Amino acid sequence: MAWQSLPVANRINDSEWLFPVIESVHITGLAVLVGTVAIVDFRLLGVVLRERPVSQIASDLRLWT
């Protein structure tokens, strides 16, 4: 079965706004993921948030990551 023959694929192809919305959500999710990982990495390197333990930062960002 080809993916482009699925009903959801046809719905996305037929809609003028559905693909841009899906893509915007996708890119935003990637940006949030990379951003939260970068914050933890920079803390591990000692560049930012030196007064807070890494475990606390990782715990605070867990929901977003």
N, C-alpha and C. Protein backbone atom coordinates (compact mmCIF):
# COMPACT_ATOMS: atom_id res chain seq x y z
N MET A 1 0.85 -1.18 0.00
CA MET A 1 0.00 0.00 0.00
C MET A 1 0.89 1.24 0.00
N ALA A 2 0.57 2.18 -0.84
CA ALA A 2 1.32 3.43 -0.93
C ALA A 2 0.78 4.43 0.09
N TRP A 3 1.70 5.17 0.71
CA TRP A 3 1.30 6.16 1.71
C TRP A 3 0.40 7.23 1.12
N GLN A 4 0.65 7.62 -0.12
CA GLN A 4 -0.12 8.70 -0.72
C GLN A 4 -1.57 8.32 -1.02
N SER A 5 -1.90 7.05 -0.90
CA SER A 5 -3.28 6.63 -1.15
C SER A 5 -4.11 6.56 0.13
N LEU A 6 -3.48 6.80 1.27
CA LEU A 6 -4.22 6.79 2.54
C LEU A 6 -5.15 8.00 2.63
N PRO A 7 -6.26 7.86 3.32
CA PRO A 7 -7.22 8.97 3.45
C PRO A 7 -6.60 10.22 4.08
N VAL A 8 -5.75 10.04 5.06
CA VAL A 8 -5.14 11.21 5.71
C VAL A 8 -4.23 11.95 4.73
N ALA A 9 -3.52 11.22 3.87
CA ALA A 9 -2.66 11.86 2.88
C ALA A 9 -3.50 12.64 1.87
N ASN A 10 -4.61 12.07 1.46
CA ASN A 10 -5.50 12.78 0.54
C ASN A 10 -6.06 14.05 1.18
N ARG A 11 -6.39 13.96 2.45
CA ARG A 11 -6.93 15.13 3.16
C ARG A 11 -5.89 16.24 3.23
N ILE A 12 -4.64 15.88 3.51
CA ILE A 12 -3.57 16.87 3.57
C ILE A 12 -3.33 17.49 2.19
N ASN A 13 -3.32 16.66 1.16
CA ASN A 13 -3.12 17.16 -0.21
C ASN A 13 -4.24 18.07 -0.68
N ASP A 14 -5.46 17.77 -0.26
CA ASP A 14 -6.61 18.56 -0.69
C ASP A 14 -6.77 19.87 0.06
N SER A 15 -6.17 19.97 1.22
CA SER A 15 -6.33 21.17 2.04
C SER A 15 -5.22 22.18 1.74
N GLU A 16 -5.61 23.44 1.70
CA GLU A 16 -4.64 24.50 1.44
C GLU A 16 -3.84 24.86 2.69
N TRP A 17 -4.40 24.67 3.86
CA TRP A 17 -3.76 25.11 5.09
C TRP A 17 -3.28 23.99 6.00
N LEU A 18 -3.69 22.76 5.79
CA LEU A 18 -3.37 21.66 6.70
C LEU A 18 -1.88 21.33 6.72
N PHE A 19 -1.23 21.24 5.57
CA PHE A 19 0.19 20.94 5.55
C PHE A 19 1.02 22.04 6.23
N PRO A 20 0.78 23.33 5.97
CA PRO A 20 1.55 24.36 6.67
C PRO A 20 1.37 24.31 8.19
N VAL A 21 0.17 23.99 8.65
CA VAL A 21 -0.06 23.88 10.10
C VAL A 21 0.72 22.71 10.68
N ILE A 22 0.65 21.57 10.03
CA ILE A 22 1.39 20.39 10.50
C ILE A 22 2.88 20.67 10.50
N GLU A 23 3.38 21.29 9.46
CA GLU A 23 4.80 21.59 9.35
C GLU A 23 5.23 22.61 10.41
N SER A 24 4.40 23.59 10.69
CA SER A 24 4.71 24.59 11.72
C SER A 24 4.80 23.94 13.10
N VAL A 25 3.88 23.06 13.41
CA VAL A 25 3.92 22.34 14.68
C VAL A 25 5.16 21.47 14.75
N HIS A 26 5.50 20.83 13.67
CA HIS A 26 6.68 19.96 13.61
C HIS A 26 7.97 20.76 13.85
N ILE A 27 8.13 21.87 13.17
CA ILE A 27 9.33 22.70 13.32
C ILE A 27 9.40 23.31 14.72
N THR A 28 8.27 23.73 15.26
CA THR A 28 8.25 24.26 16.62
C THR A 28 8.66 23.20 17.62
N GLY A 29 8.17 21.99 17.45
CA GLY A 29 8.55 20.89 18.33
C GLY A 29 10.03 20.60 18.27
N LEU A 30 10.60 20.60 17.08
CA LEU A 30 12.03 20.38 16.94
C LEU A 30 12.83 21.49 17.61
N ALA A 31 12.39 22.73 17.47
CA ALA A 31 13.09 23.85 18.08
C ALA A 31 13.05 23.75 19.61
N VAL A 32 11.92 23.37 20.16
CA VAL A 32 11.81 23.21 21.62
C VAL A 32 12.72 22.07 22.08
N LEU A 33 12.72 20.96 21.37
CA LEU A 33 13.57 19.83 21.72
C LEU A 33 15.05 20.21 21.70
N VAL A 34 15.50 20.82 20.62
CA VAL A 34 16.91 21.20 20.50
C VAL A 34 17.26 22.27 21.54
N GLY A 35 16.34 23.18 21.80
CA GLY A 35 16.59 24.22 22.80
C GLY A 35 16.76 23.67 24.20
N THR A 36 15.91 22.75 24.60
CA THR A 36 16.02 22.19 25.95
C THR A 36 17.26 21.33 26.10
N VAL A 37 17.60 20.59 25.06
CA VAL A 37 18.83 19.79 25.11
C VAL A 37 20.05 20.71 25.18
N ALA A 38 20.01 21.80 24.44
CA ALA A 38 21.13 22.76 24.46
C ALA A 38 21.30 23.38 25.85
N ILE A 39 20.20 23.70 26.52
CA ILE A 39 20.30 24.27 27.87
C ILE A 39 21.00 23.30 28.81
N VAL A 40 20.60 22.04 28.78
CA VAL A 40 21.24 21.04 29.64
C VAL A 40 22.71 20.86 29.26
N ASP A 41 23.00 20.80 27.97
CA ASP A 41 24.38 20.64 27.52
C ASP A 41 25.25 21.83 27.95
N PHE A 42 24.74 23.03 27.79
CA PHE A 42 25.52 24.21 28.20
C PHE A 42 25.73 24.23 29.71
N ARG A 43 24.75 23.74 30.45
CA ARG A 43 24.93 23.65 31.91
C ARG A 43 26.00 22.61 32.24
N LEU A 44 26.01 21.49 31.56
CA LEU A 44 27.03 20.48 31.78
C LEU A 44 28.42 21.02 31.47
N LEU A 45 28.51 21.89 30.50
CA LEU A 45 29.79 22.51 30.15
C LEU A 45 30.16 23.65 31.10
N GLY A 46 29.22 24.06 31.94
CA GLY A 46 29.47 25.14 32.89
C GLY A 46 29.37 26.53 32.29
N VAL A 47 28.66 26.65 31.17
CA VAL A 47 28.54 27.93 30.48
C VAL A 47 27.40 28.78 31.05
N VAL A 48 26.29 28.14 31.41
CA VAL A 48 25.12 28.87 31.90
C VAL A 48 24.59 28.23 33.18
N LEU A 49 23.82 28.98 33.93
CA LEU A 49 23.09 28.50 35.11
C LEU A 49 23.98 27.72 36.09
N ARG A 50 25.13 28.24 36.37
CA ARG A 50 26.09 27.54 37.22
C ARG A 50 25.59 27.35 38.65
N GLU A 51 24.69 28.21 39.10
CA GLU A 51 24.20 28.12 40.48
C GLU A 51 23.16 27.01 40.68
N ARG A 52 22.66 26.43 39.61
CA ARG A 52 21.65 25.37 39.72
C ARG A 52 22.26 24.02 39.35
N PRO A 53 21.93 22.98 40.08
CA PRO A 53 22.44 21.64 39.75
C PRO A 53 21.86 21.14 38.42
N VAL A 54 22.66 20.36 37.71
CA VAL A 54 22.23 19.81 36.43
C VAL A 54 20.97 18.97 36.59
N SER A 55 20.91 18.21 37.67
CA SER A 55 19.75 17.33 37.88
C SER A 55 18.46 18.15 38.00
N GLN A 56 18.53 19.31 38.63
CA GLN A 56 17.34 20.16 38.77
C GLN A 56 16.93 20.73 37.41
N ILE A 57 17.89 21.19 36.64
CA ILE A 57 17.59 21.74 35.32
C ILE A 57 16.99 20.65 34.42
N ALA A 58 17.61 19.48 34.42
CA ALA A 58 17.10 18.38 33.60
C ALA A 58 15.69 17.98 34.02
N SER A 59 15.44 17.98 35.32
CA SER A 59 14.12 17.65 35.83
C SER A 59 13.09 18.70 35.42
N ASP A 60 13.47 19.97 35.52
CA ASP A 60 12.55 21.06 35.14
C ASP A 60 12.21 21.03 33.65
N LEU A 61 13.16 20.62 32.81
CA LEU A 61 12.96 20.62 31.37
C LEU A 61 12.43 19.30 30.82
N ARG A 62 12.29 18.33 31.68
CA ARG A 62 11.89 16.98 31.24
C ARG A 62 10.57 16.99 30.47
N LEU A 63 9.58 17.72 30.96
CA LEU A 63 8.28 17.78 30.29
C LEU A 63 8.42 18.34 28.88
N TRP A 64 9.23 19.37 28.71
CA TRP A 64 9.38 20.01 27.40
C TRP A 64 10.23 19.16 26.46
N THR A 65 11.18 18.44 27.03
CA THR A 65 12.06 17.62 26.20
C THR A 65 11.34 16.34 25.80
